Each structure stands twice: as C-alpha cells, then as structure tokens.
Amino acid sequence: YGTKEETIYFYNHGIEVDFYVPSTETAIQVSYS
C-alpha cells in the first residue's frame, strides 16, 4: 500500500490492534503462536 501516512495504521486507544488498513477495512493482529 505504500509508506504514506494514510495507508497503514495501528490502533491504540483502550484497545490495541497491531495494524489497520483503511482502504480494505482490515484489522490485523500478530501473535507468534
């Protein structure tokens, strides 16, 4: 998606989500196991 600010985020406000992609409305957590 590119490195511009508006493409990839994380979410941290009482809830922690590792990545959020606004263009595809995708939330992603990363956990080794």
PDB file of all heavy atoms in Angstrom:
ATOM      1  N   TYR A   1       0.796  -1.230   0.000  1.00  0.00           N
ATOM      2  CA  TYR A   1       0.000   0.000   0.000  1.00  0.00           C
ATOM      3  C   TYR A   1       0.826   1.276   0.000  1.00  0.00           C
ATOM      4  O   TYR A   1       0.281   2.363  -0.161  1.00  0.00           O
ATOM      5  CB  TYR A   1      -0.936   0.001   1.212  1.00  0.00           C
ATOM      6  CG  TYR A   1      -1.953  -1.108   1.175  1.00  0.00           C
ATOM      7  CD1 TYR A   1      -1.787  -2.262   1.939  1.00  0.00           C
ATOM      8  CD2 TYR A   1      -3.071  -1.025   0.351  1.00  0.00           C
ATOM      9  CE1 TYR A   1      -2.709  -3.292   1.896  1.00  0.00           C
ATOM     10  CE2 TYR A   1      -4.004  -2.053   0.298  1.00  0.00           C
ATOM     11  CZ  TYR A   1      -3.816  -3.179   1.070  1.00  0.00           C
ATOM     12  OH  TYR A   1      -4.729  -4.200   1.014  1.00  0.00           O
ATOM     13  N   GLY A   2       2.149   1.178   0.169  1.00  0.00           N
ATOM     14  CA  GLY A   2       2.991   2.369   0.180  1.00  0.00           C
ATOM     15  C   GLY A   2       3.210   2.885   1.591  1.00  0.00           C
ATOM     16  O   GLY A   2       2.528   2.499   2.543  1.00  0.00           O
ATOM     17  N   THR A   3       4.174   3.783   1.732  1.00  0.00           N
ATOM     18  CA  THR A   3       4.588   4.263   3.053  1.00  0.00           C
ATOM     19  C   THR A   3       3.953   5.588   3.449  1.00  0.00           C
ATOM     20  O   THR A   3       4.281   6.129   4.499  1.00  0.00           O
ATOM     21  CB  THR A   3       6.124   4.415   3.107  1.00  0.00           C
ATOM     22  OG1 THR A   3       6.540   5.406   2.160  1.00  0.00           O
ATOM     23  CG2 THR A   3       6.807   3.095   2.810  1.00  0.00           C
ATOM     24  N   LYS A   4       3.074   6.121   2.636  1.00  0.00           N
ATOM     25  CA  LYS A   4       2.418   7.373   3.017  1.00  0.00           C
ATOM     26  C   LYS A   4       1.550   7.160   4.253  1.00  0.00           C
ATOM     27  O   LYS A   4       1.034   6.065   4.493  1.00  0.00           O
ATOM     28  CB  LYS A   4       1.571   7.911   1.868  1.00  0.00           C
ATOM     29  CG  LYS A   4       2.402   8.378   0.677  1.00  0.00           C
ATOM     30  CD  LYS A   4       1.530   8.964  -0.413  1.00  0.00           C
ATOM     31  CE  LYS A   4       2.369   9.451  -1.584  1.00  0.00           C
ATOM     32  NZ  LYS A   4       1.536  10.024  -2.669  1.00  0.00           N
ATOM     33  N   GLU A   5       1.382   8.226   5.027  1.00  0.00           N
ATOM     34  CA  GLU A   5       0.724   8.117   6.330  1.00  0.00           C
ATOM     35  C   GLU A   5      -0.672   7.523   6.255  1.00  0.00           C
ATOM     36  O   GLU A   5      -1.108   6.829   7.160  1.00  0.00           O
ATOM     37  CB  GLU A   5       0.646   9.499   6.990  1.00  0.00           C
ATOM     38  CG  GLU A   5       1.991  10.062   7.425  1.00  0.00           C
ATOM     39  CD  GLU A   5       1.843  11.408   8.080  1.00  0.00           C
ATOM     40  OE1 GLU A   5       0.752  11.691   8.605  1.00  0.00           O
ATOM     41  OE2 GLU A   5       2.799  12.189   8.058  1.00  0.00           O
ATOM     42  N   GLU A   6      -1.401   7.790   5.202  1.00  0.00           N
ATOM     43  CA  GLU A   6      -2.819   7.442   5.170  1.00  0.00           C
ATOM     44  C   GLU A   6      -3.084   5.986   4.803  1.00  0.00           C
ATOM     45  O   GLU A   6      -4.239   5.564   4.719  1.00  0.00           O
ATOM     46  CB  GLU A   6      -3.561   8.347   4.161  1.00  0.00           C
ATOM     47  CG  GLU A   6      -3.474   9.826   4.445  1.00  0.00           C
ATOM     48  CD  GLU A   6      -2.184  10.451   3.924  1.00  0.00           C
ATOM     49  OE1 GLU A   6      -1.413   9.727   3.248  1.00  0.00           O
ATOM     50  OE2 GLU A   6      -1.935  11.627   4.210  1.00  0.00           O
ATOM     51  N   THR A   7      -2.045   5.183   4.569  1.00  0.00           N
ATOM     52  CA  THR A   7      -2.277   3.848   4.021  1.00  0.00           C
ATOM     53  C   THR A   7      -2.373   2.757   5.083  1.00  0.00           C
ATOM     54  O   THR A   7      -3.234   1.891   5.003  1.00  0.00           O
ATOM     55  CB  THR A   7      -1.167   3.481   3.017  1.00  0.00           C
ATOM     56  OG1 THR A   7       0.098   3.553   3.681  1.00  0.00           O
ATOM     57  CG2 THR A   7      -1.174   4.424   1.840  1.00  0.00           C
ATOM     58  N   ILE A   8      -1.463   2.791   6.074  1.00  0.00           N
ATOM     59  CA  ILE A   8      -1.389   1.761   7.111  1.00  0.00           C
ATOM     60  C   ILE A   8      -1.323   2.433   8.481  1.00  0.00           C
ATOM     61  O   ILE A   8      -0.598   3.409   8.664  1.00  0.00           O
ATOM     62  CB  ILE A   8      -0.135   0.878   6.943  1.00  0.00           C
ATOM     63  CG1 ILE A   8      -0.081   0.273   5.538  1.00  0.00           C
ATOM     64  CG2 ILE A   8      -0.107  -0.239   7.999  1.00  0.00           C
ATOM     65  CD1 ILE A   8      -1.225  -0.660   5.231  1.00  0.00           C
ATOM     66  N   TYR A   9      -2.065   1.887   9.434  1.00  0.00           N
ATOM     67  CA  TYR A   9      -2.043   2.413  10.802  1.00  0.00           C
ATOM     68  C   TYR A   9      -1.962   1.254  11.790  1.00  0.00           C
ATOM     69  O   TYR A   9      -2.131   0.089  11.429  1.00  0.00           O
ATOM     70  CB  TYR A   9      -3.326   3.195  11.114  1.00  0.00           C
ATOM     71  CG  TYR A   9      -3.509   4.486  10.353  1.00  0.00           C
ATOM     72  CD1 TYR A   9      -4.265   4.525   9.182  1.00  0.00           C
ATOM     73  CD2 TYR A   9      -2.967   5.675  10.831  1.00  0.00           C
ATOM     74  CE1 TYR A   9      -4.455   5.714   8.491  1.00  0.00           C
ATOM     75  CE2 TYR A   9      -3.155   6.871  10.149  1.00  0.00           C
ATOM     76  CZ  TYR A   9      -3.901   6.889   8.986  1.00  0.00           C
ATOM     77  OH  TYR A   9      -4.084   8.063   8.317  1.00  0.00           O
ATOM     78  N   PHE A  10      -1.733   1.586  13.067  1.00  0.00           N
ATOM     79  CA  PHE A  10      -2.101   0.693  14.156  1.00  0.00           C
ATOM     80  C   PHE A  10      -3.178   1.394  14.958  1.00  0.00           C
ATOM     81  O   PHE A  10      -3.455   2.578  14.756  1.00  0.00           O
ATOM     82  CB  PHE A  10      -0.886   0.298  15.023  1.00  0.00           C
ATOM     83  CG  PHE A  10      -0.274   1.410  15.831  1.00  0.00           C
ATOM     84  CD1 PHE A  10      -0.657   1.626  17.148  1.00  0.00           C
ATOM     85  CD2 PHE A  10       0.709   2.231  15.291  1.00  0.00           C
ATOM     86  CE1 PHE A  10      -0.080   2.636  17.910  1.00  0.00           C
ATOM     87  CE2 PHE A  10       1.292   3.247  16.039  1.00  0.00           C
ATOM     88  CZ  PHE A  10       0.889   3.455  17.356  1.00  0.00           C
ATOM     89  N   TYR A  11      -3.843   0.674  15.877  1.00  0.00           N
ATOM     90  CA  TYR A  11      -4.884   1.266  16.716  1.00  0.00           C
ATOM     91  C   TYR A  11      -4.525   1.039  18.174  1.00  0.00           C
ATOM     92  O   TYR A  11      -4.282  -0.090  18.601  1.00  0.00           O
ATOM     93  CB  TYR A  11      -6.257   0.652  16.422  1.00  0.00           C
ATOM     94  CG  TYR A  11      -7.375   1.329  17.186  1.00  0.00           C
ATOM     95  CD1 TYR A  11      -8.082   2.378  16.624  1.00  0.00           C
ATOM     96  CD2 TYR A  11      -7.701   0.937  18.490  1.00  0.00           C
ATOM     97  CE1 TYR A  11      -9.098   3.023  17.323  1.00  0.00           C
ATOM     98  CE2 TYR A  11      -8.705   1.574  19.194  1.00  0.00           C
ATOM     99  CZ  TYR A  11      -9.392   2.612  18.612  1.00  0.00           C
ATOM    100  OH  TYR A  11     -10.388   3.261  19.312  1.00  0.00           O
ATOM    101  N   ASN A  12      -4.473   2.127  18.929  1.00  0.00           N
ATOM    102  CA  ASN A  12      -4.175   2.018  20.359  1.00  0.00           C
ATOM    103  C   ASN A  12      -4.922   3.121  21.106  1.00  0.00           C
ATOM    104  O   ASN A  12      -4.483   4.274  21.168  1.00  0.00           O
ATOM    105  CB  ASN A  12      -2.668   2.140  20.606  1.00  0.00           C
ATOM    106  CG  ASN A  12      -2.296   1.810  22.048  1.00  0.00           C
ATOM    107  OD1 ASN A  12      -3.147   1.795  22.928  1.00  0.00           O
ATOM    108  ND2 ASN A  12      -1.029   1.545  22.296  1.00  0.00           N
ATOM    109  N   HIS A  13      -6.091   2.739  21.635  1.00  0.00           N
ATOM    110  CA  HIS A  13      -6.876   3.675  22.450  1.00  0.00           C
ATOM    111  C   HIS A  13      -7.816   2.838  23.323  1.00  0.00           C
ATOM    112  O   HIS A  13      -8.994   2.679  23.035  1.00  0.00           O
ATOM    113  CB  HIS A  13      -7.668   4.636  21.570  1.00  0.00           C
ATOM    114  CG  HIS A  13      -8.352   5.731  22.357  1.00  0.00           C
ATOM    115  ND1 HIS A  13      -7.657   6.739  22.992  1.00  0.00           N
ATOM    116  CD2 HIS A  13      -9.665   5.968  22.604  1.00  0.00           C
ATOM    117  CE1 HIS A  13      -8.523   7.544  23.600  1.00  0.00           C
ATOM    118  NE2 HIS A  13      -9.752   7.094  23.383  1.00  0.00           N
ATOM    119  N   GLY A  14      -7.246   2.264  24.388  1.00  0.00           N
ATOM    120  CA  GLY A  14      -8.006   1.349  25.228  1.00  0.00           C
ATOM    121  C   GLY A  14      -8.038  -0.062  24.673  1.00  0.00           C
ATOM    122  O   GLY A  14      -8.222  -1.032  25.396  1.00  0.00           O
ATOM    123  N   ILE A  15      -7.864  -0.179  23.358  1.00  0.00           N
ATOM    124  CA  ILE A  15      -7.766  -1.459  22.655  1.00  0.00           C
ATOM    125  C   ILE A  15      -6.510  -1.381  21.791  1.00  0.00           C
ATOM    126  O   ILE A  15      -6.231  -0.344  21.196  1.00  0.00           O
ATOM    127  CB  ILE A  15      -8.992  -1.702  21.748  1.00  0.00           C
ATOM    128  CG1 ILE A  15     -10.286  -1.579  22.537  1.00  0.00           C
ATOM    129  CG2 ILE A  15      -8.898  -3.058  21.050  1.00  0.00           C
ATOM    130  CD1 ILE A  15     -11.509  -1.461  21.639  1.00  0.00           C
ATOM    131  N   GLU A  16      -5.775  -2.477  21.737  1.00  0.00           N
ATOM    132  CA  GLU A  16      -4.571  -2.486  20.907  1.00  0.00           C
ATOM    133  C   GLU A  16      -4.742  -3.468  19.752  1.00  0.00           C
ATOM    134  O   GLU A  16      -4.979  -4.653  19.959  1.00  0.00           O
ATOM    135  CB  GLU A  16      -3.344  -2.885  21.738  1.00  0.00           C
ATOM    136  CG  GLU A  16      -2.974  -1.861  22.807  1.00  0.00           C
ATOM    137  CD  GLU A  16      -1.692  -2.226  23.519  1.00  0.00           C
ATOM    138  OE1 GLU A  16      -0.892  -3.002  22.951  1.00  0.00           O
ATOM    139  OE2 GLU A  16      -1.485  -1.742  24.652  1.00  0.00           O
ATOM    140  N   VAL A  17      -4.650  -2.926  18.542  1.00  0.00           N
ATOM    141  CA  VAL A  17      -4.663  -3.742  17.329  1.00  0.00           C
ATOM    142  C   VAL A  17      -3.425  -3.372  16.530  1.00  0.00           C
ATOM    143  O   VAL A  17      -3.143  -2.197  16.303  1.00  0.00           O
ATOM    144  CB  VAL A  17      -5.939  -3.503  16.497  1.00  0.00           C
ATOM    145  CG1 VAL A  17      -5.866  -4.239  15.165  1.00  0.00           C
ATOM    146  CG2 VAL A  17      -7.169  -3.958  17.279  1.00  0.00           C
ATOM    147  N   ASP A  18      -2.682  -4.381  16.100  1.00  0.00           N
ATOM    148  CA  ASP A  18      -1.356  -4.138  15.534  1.00  0.00           C
ATOM    149  C   ASP A  18      -1.383  -3.367  14.224  1.00  0.00           C
ATOM    150  O   ASP A  18      -0.546  -2.489  14.000  1.00  0.00           O
ATOM    151  CB  ASP A  18      -0.617  -5.472  15.337  1.00  0.00           C
ATOM    152  CG  ASP A  18      -0.318  -6.142  16.670  1.00  0.00           C
ATOM    153  OD1 ASP A  18       0.036  -5.432  17.632  1.00  0.00           O
ATOM    154  OD2 ASP A  18      -0.445  -7.387  16.751  1.00  0.00           O
ATOM    155  N   PHE A  19      -2.341  -3.684  13.342  1.00  0.00           N
ATOM    156  CA  PHE A  19      -2.401  -2.991  12.051  1.00  0.00           C
ATOM    157  C   PHE A  19      -3.856  -2.792  11.636  1.00  0.00           C
ATOM    158  O   PHE A  19      -4.717  -3.635  11.909  1.00  0.00           O
ATOM    159  CB  PHE A  19      -1.679  -3.787  10.953  1.00  0.00           C
ATOM    160  CG  PHE A  19      -0.210  -3.982  11.207  1.00  0.00           C
ATOM    161  CD1 PHE A  19       0.252  -5.200  11.679  1.00  0.00           C
ATOM    162  CD2 PHE A  19       0.696  -2.962  10.986  1.00  0.00           C
ATOM    163  CE1 PHE A  19       1.597  -5.395  11.922  1.00  0.00           C
ATOM    164  CE2 PHE A  19       2.053  -3.147  11.235  1.00  0.00           C
ATOM    165  CZ  PHE A  19       2.497  -4.357  11.704  1.00  0.00           C
ATOM    166  N   TYR A  20      -4.067  -1.684  10.939  1.00  0.00           N
ATOM    167  CA  TYR A  20      -5.381  -1.440  10.342  1.00  0.00           C
ATOM    168  C   TYR A  20      -5.164  -0.831   8.963  1.00  0.00           C
ATOM    169  O   TYR A  20      -4.396   0.126   8.799  1.00  0.00           O
ATOM    170  CB  TYR A  20      -6.224  -0.500  11.197  1.00  0.00           C
ATOM    171  CG  TYR A  20      -7.590  -0.227  10.600  1.00  0.00           C
ATOM    172  CD1 TYR A  20      -8.547  -1.234  10.528  1.00  0.00           C
ATOM    173  CD2 TYR A  20      -7.909   1.020  10.081  1.00  0.00           C
ATOM    174  CE1 TYR A  20      -9.792  -1.003   9.958  1.00  0.00           C
ATOM    175  CE2 TYR A  20      -9.160   1.265   9.528  1.00  0.00           C
ATOM    176  CZ  TYR A  20     -10.101   0.251   9.456  1.00  0.00           C
ATOM    177  OH  TYR A  20     -11.336   0.476   8.903  1.00  0.00           O
ATOM    178  N   VAL A  21      -5.844  -1.410   7.957  1.00  0.00           N
ATOM    179  CA  VAL A  21      -5.750  -0.936   6.580  1.00  0.00           C
ATOM    180  C   VAL A  21      -7.080  -0.292   6.215  1.00  0.00           C
ATOM    181  O   VAL A  21      -8.063  -0.996   5.959  1.00  0.00           O
ATOM    182  CB  VAL A  21      -5.437  -2.096   5.607  1.00  0.00           C
ATOM    183  CG1 VAL A  21      -5.218  -1.555   4.194  1.00  0.00           C
ATOM    184  CG2 VAL A  21      -4.229  -2.892   6.081  1.00  0.00           C
ATOM    185  N   PRO A  22      -7.164   1.040   6.201  1.00  0.00           N
ATOM    186  CA  PRO A  22      -8.452   1.697   5.934  1.00  0.00           C
ATOM    187  C   PRO A  22      -9.049   1.363   4.570  1.00  0.00           C
ATOM    188  O   PRO A  22     -10.265   1.200   4.449  1.00  0.00           O
ATOM    189  CB  PRO A  22      -8.101   3.197   6.024  1.00  0.00           C
ATOM    190  CG  PRO A  22      -6.865   3.259   6.854  1.00  0.00           C
ATOM    191  CD  PRO A  22      -6.104   2.006   6.527  1.00  0.00           C
ATOM    192  N   SER A  23      -8.200   1.252   3.545  1.00  0.00           N
ATOM    193  CA  SER A  23      -8.726   1.062   2.187  1.00  0.00           C
ATOM    194  C   SER A  23      -9.446  -0.267   2.021  1.00  0.00           C
ATOM    195  O   SER A  23     -10.368  -0.380   1.203  1.00  0.00           O
ATOM    196  CB  SER A  23      -7.601   1.179   1.158  1.00  0.00           C
ATOM    197  OG  SER A  23      -6.619   0.185   1.376  1.00  0.00           O
ATOM    198  N   THR A  24      -9.045  -1.279   2.799  1.00  0.00           N
ATOM    199  CA  THR A  24      -9.710  -2.582   2.709  1.00  0.00           C
ATOM    200  C   THR A  24     -10.482  -2.923   3.976  1.00  0.00           C
ATOM    201  O   THR A  24     -11.043  -4.014   4.076  1.00  0.00           O
ATOM    202  CB  THR A  24      -8.673  -3.700   2.443  1.00  0.00           C
ATOM    203  OG1 THR A  24      -7.722  -3.729   3.513  1.00  0.00           O
ATOM    204  CG2 THR A  24      -7.960  -3.469   1.130  1.00  0.00           C
ATOM    205  N   GLU A  25     -10.467  -1.993   4.936  1.00  0.00           N
ATOM    206  CA  GLU A  25     -11.153  -2.185   6.217  1.00  0.00           C
ATOM    207  C   GLU A  25     -10.747  -3.519   6.855  1.00  0.00           C
ATOM    208  O   GLU A  25     -11.577  -4.355   7.219  1.00  0.00           O
ATOM    209  CB  GLU A  25     -12.670  -2.089   6.020  1.00  0.00           C
ATOM    210  CG  GLU A  25     -13.101  -0.714   5.533  1.00  0.00           C
ATOM    211  CD  GLU A  25     -14.582  -0.616   5.213  1.00  0.00           C
ATOM    212  OE1 GLU A  25     -15.285  -1.642   5.328  1.00  0.00           O
ATOM    213  OE2 GLU A  25     -15.049   0.475   4.848  1.00  0.00           O
ATOM    214  N   THR A  26      -9.431  -3.683   6.979  1.00  0.00           N
ATOM    215  CA  THR A  26      -8.860  -4.920   7.512  1.00  0.00           C
ATOM    216  C   THR A  26      -8.126  -4.652   8.814  1.00  0.00           C
ATOM    217  O   THR A  26      -7.267  -3.768   8.877  1.00  0.00           O
ATOM    218  CB  THR A  26      -7.888  -5.557   6.497  1.00  0.00           C
ATOM    219  OG1 THR A  26      -8.588  -5.833   5.286  1.00  0.00           O
ATOM    220  CG2 THR A  26      -7.290  -6.838   7.051  1.00  0.00           C
ATOM    221  N   ALA A  27      -8.458  -5.401   9.859  1.00  0.00           N
ATOM    222  CA  ALA A  27      -7.761  -5.329  11.148  1.00  0.00           C
ATOM    223  C   ALA A  27      -6.888  -6.565  11.298  1.00  0.00           C
ATOM    224  O   ALA A  27      -7.337  -7.689  11.021  1.00  0.00           O
ATOM    225  CB  ALA A  27      -8.761  -5.243  12.290  1.00  0.00           C
ATOM    226  N   ILE A  28      -5.642  -6.366  11.745  1.00  0.00           N
ATOM    227  CA  ILE A  28      -4.683  -7.467  11.803  1.00  0.00           C
ATOM    228  C   ILE A  28      -3.980  -7.475  13.150  1.00  0.00           C
ATOM    229  O   ILE A  28      -3.429  -6.456  13.588  1.00  0.00           O
ATOM    230  CB  ILE A  28      -3.627  -7.336  10.686  1.00  0.00           C
ATOM    231  CG1 ILE A  28      -4.293  -7.345   9.309  1.00  0.00           C
ATOM    232  CG2 ILE A  28      -2.596  -8.464  10.780  1.00  0.00           C
ATOM    233  CD1 ILE A  28      -3.363  -6.981   8.170  1.00  0.00           C
ATOM    234  N   GLN A  29      -3.998  -8.623  13.789  1.00  0.00           N
ATOM    235  CA  GLN A  29      -3.190  -8.870  14.972  1.00  0.00           C
ATOM    236  C   GLN A  29      -2.026  -9.787  14.595  1.00  0.00           C
ATOM    237  O   GLN A  29      -2.150 -10.605  13.682  1.00  0.00           O
ATOM    238  CB  GLN A  29      -4.021  -9.560  16.067  1.00  0.00           C
ATOM    239  CG  GLN A  29      -5.086  -8.680  16.716  1.00  0.00           C
ATOM    240  CD  GLN A  29      -4.473  -7.665  17.656  1.00  0.00           C
ATOM    241  OE1 GLN A  29      -3.772  -6.743  17.228  1.00  0.00           O
ATOM    242  NE2 GLN A  29      -4.717  -7.831  18.942  1.00  0.00           N
ATOM    243  N   VAL A  30      -0.910  -9.652  15.312  1.00  0.00           N
ATOM    244  CA  VAL A  30       0.248 -10.505  15.090  1.00  0.00           C
ATOM    245  C   VAL A  30       0.577 -11.219  16.395  1.00  0.00           C
ATOM    246  O   VAL A  30       0.777 -10.583  17.425  1.00  0.00           O
ATOM    247  CB  VAL A  30       1.466  -9.694  14.610  1.00  0.00           C
ATOM    248  CG1 VAL A  30       2.649 -10.621  14.361  1.00  0.00           C
ATOM    249  CG2 VAL A  30       1.130  -8.912  13.348  1.00  0.00           C
ATOM    250  N   SER A  31       0.594 -12.548  16.338  1.00  0.00           N
ATOM    251  CA  SER A  31       0.899 -13.351  17.524  1.00  0.00           C
ATOM    252  C   SER A  31       1.721 -14.548  17.083  1.00  0.00           C
ATOM    253  O   SER A  31       1.308 -15.286  16.182  1.00  0.00           O
ATOM    254  CB  SER A  31      -0.382 -13.824  18.206  1.00  0.00           C
ATOM    255  OG  SER A  31      -0.099 -14.650  19.312  1.00  0.00           O
ATOM    256  N   TYR A  32       2.874 -14.740  17.686  1.00  0.00           N
ATOM    257  CA  TYR A  32       3.775 -15.788  17.225  1.00  0.00           C
ATOM    258  C   TYR A  32       3.103 -17.163  17.276  1.00  0.00           C
ATOM    259  O   TYR A  32       3.234 -17.968  16.367  1.00  0.00           O
ATOM    260  CB  TYR A  32       5.048 -15.788  18.060  1.00  0.00           C
ATOM    261  CG  TYR A  32       6.130 -16.647  17.460  1.00  0.00           C
ATOM    262  CD1 TYR A  32       6.938 -16.142  16.450  1.00  0.00           C
ATOM    263  CD2 TYR A  32       6.320 -17.960  17.874  1.00  0.00           C
ATOM    264  CE1 TYR A  32       7.915 -16.929  15.861  1.00  0.00           C
ATOM    265  CE2 TYR A  32       7.292 -18.758  17.298  1.00  0.00           C
ATOM    266  CZ  TYR A  32       8.088 -18.235  16.290  1.00  0.00           C
ATOM    267  OH  TYR A  32       9.052 -19.027  15.712  1.00  0.00           O
ATOM    268  N   SER A  33       2.348 -17.413  18.328  1.00  0.00           N
ATOM    269  CA  SER A  33       1.648 -18.693  18.463  1.00  0.00           C
ATOM    270  C   SER A  33       0.293 -18.443  19.114  1.00  0.00           C
ATOM    271  O   SER A  33       0.140 -17.524  19.921  1.00  0.00           O
ATOM    272  CB  SER A  33       2.465 -19.667  19.311  1.00  0.00           C
ATOM    273  OG  SER A  33       1.708 -20.824  19.625  1.00  0.00           O
TER     274      SER A  33
END
